Amino acid sequence: MLEVRDLRKAFAGFVAVGGVSLTVETRQIAAVIGPNGAGKSTLFNLITGHIMPDGGRVLLDGRDITGAAPHRICRMGIGRSFQRTNIFARLSVFENVQAAFLAHRGRGANFWARSEDFYRDETAGLLASIGLDAHADAIAGTLSYGNQKQLELGIALASDPEVLLLDEPTAGMSATETRETMQLLRRIAGERGLTLLFTEHDMEVVFTIAAKIAVLHQGHLLAEGTPAEMRSDPEVRRVYLGEH
């Protein structure tokens, strides 16, 4: 479903991503891990068009999407969440998701229609599926951090993606919030047939949910394989897990 071929990006001589290649199969849940500064967020930004690559290609289900604008890549089927929560803090939870439906389905530029009348059933259904139906009327900025991340997931799902990229989806969460969020992601991915690629520092989360793990180190792909293979790889243990 998603293929990265020899992707490269440097900033003022600093190599952030240096020739990374990886694949994610259809409906697979895969993780990208690595120390701070390994290039994980830059890799995601290259895939989703927020940064232009210096070289290499990104393929979505065989289509070359390298360097396309973020909104075009979204319409092609890639949803995205960020390390920092990306929501409309002053709108209600319902309005946040409804706005995502309006934008994705091409009604964002219609000045003459009453926007609140569109996609109400779809919005209510999506909020119920992610467990936020009880907070539909709440102002988004007043939600707990964990609920805000759930809302961001709902906004991403409103674009009906085939592939979902999540940049540290449990960062800043409590242990309970982390467990509930990963259970939610696993359920949503299964129900919607999503291909899921995420970055994460919590190794318990990674080894619990991911079927495949790619390890980045200083902008390069150190290893790629199953959780069992990554646990036993001596170079991964040395560089990432800090073992000698």
Foldseek 3Di string as FASTA:
>chain_A
DKWWFQWWDDDPNQTQAGGATDDFDFLAAEEEEEDPSLNPVVVVCQQQQVDATPDTFMADVRHTCGNPHNVVVLLVFEFEADPDQDFDQQAFLLVGLLVLLCVLVPNPPPPPDDSVVPCNVVSCVLCVLLVNNVRRGPRLNPDDPLVSLSSSVSSRCSNVHQEYEYEASCPPHDPVSLVSVLVSVQVVSVVSSHGYYYYHDPVVSNLVRHQKYWYGGSNYTPDIGGPVCLVPDPVNCVRGVVDD
